[in-house]
């Protein structure tokens, strides 16, 4: 039955049997372009290949995926675009295991990248939420239910992002972003591990910090430490650096994007030229 229509299995197309629908059995990537140029495509493809290998999806040529991304981007004709694509293990009647010859499914969309200038100029508010995700957040899988529930909780509180806190009381990352604090002139962010997505934007933020001479400390911090930070910001694929001016109920700094955050933003944009 599909809505109120009853039919036979033979009436259904492959999309109804996609393991991504049943199990979230797939991985995805999001990248963007700046002024007609795809940003960090090599890095995104490498991460995508690692995610495919981690969940044992085979039969996908990463070179073919890259060619599809480039061809679709050219066809779309959007200078500042957001490119989303995923691969699922394939389509088959629902079963927890899968046949070794199952053919993977590929899906891609391209849309206009949103305008984040207002958020960058004014900063955003964030709030903390428990980190309820699985133990392999380094895999960019389609299993995002804890992320979307946390983001919805944040929006309901008038915030733009949820900052996830693990059982030990430390911040891991945002529901859809990497999290950074500037404390006593040093840039601090959680070290990469199985519970942290290896963010491509995070990688370039670290490079930007090195270029402008800001010390970097990969260490976990608590919400209390974040609330007392000099500056906070997020790193997001589609928006790069987004200042945070309110953390839970605490105003960060003077309530406006900080000096070092602005310096990092300017340096980051050099990578996109």
Foldseek 3Di string as FASTA:
>chain_A
DPVPDDDDPVVDDQVVQFVCVVPLAKFKFKAKAAQQHTAPLVVRLVLRVVLCVVSVQDPDDSVVVSVVQVVVSVVVPARIKMKMKMKGSAGDHDDPDDDPPHHIDIDMDMDHQDDCVVQQFQPWEEEEDEDPDDQQLQRRTSPLVVLVVQCVVGVVVVTRWYFYAYPVQWTQAISAWFKWFQAPQAIEGADDDRNHHPDPLVVLLVVLCVVVVGHYDHHIDHLVVRLATQWMWTAHNSPGIGTHQHYHHHGHHPSTHDDVSVSSVVSSVVSND
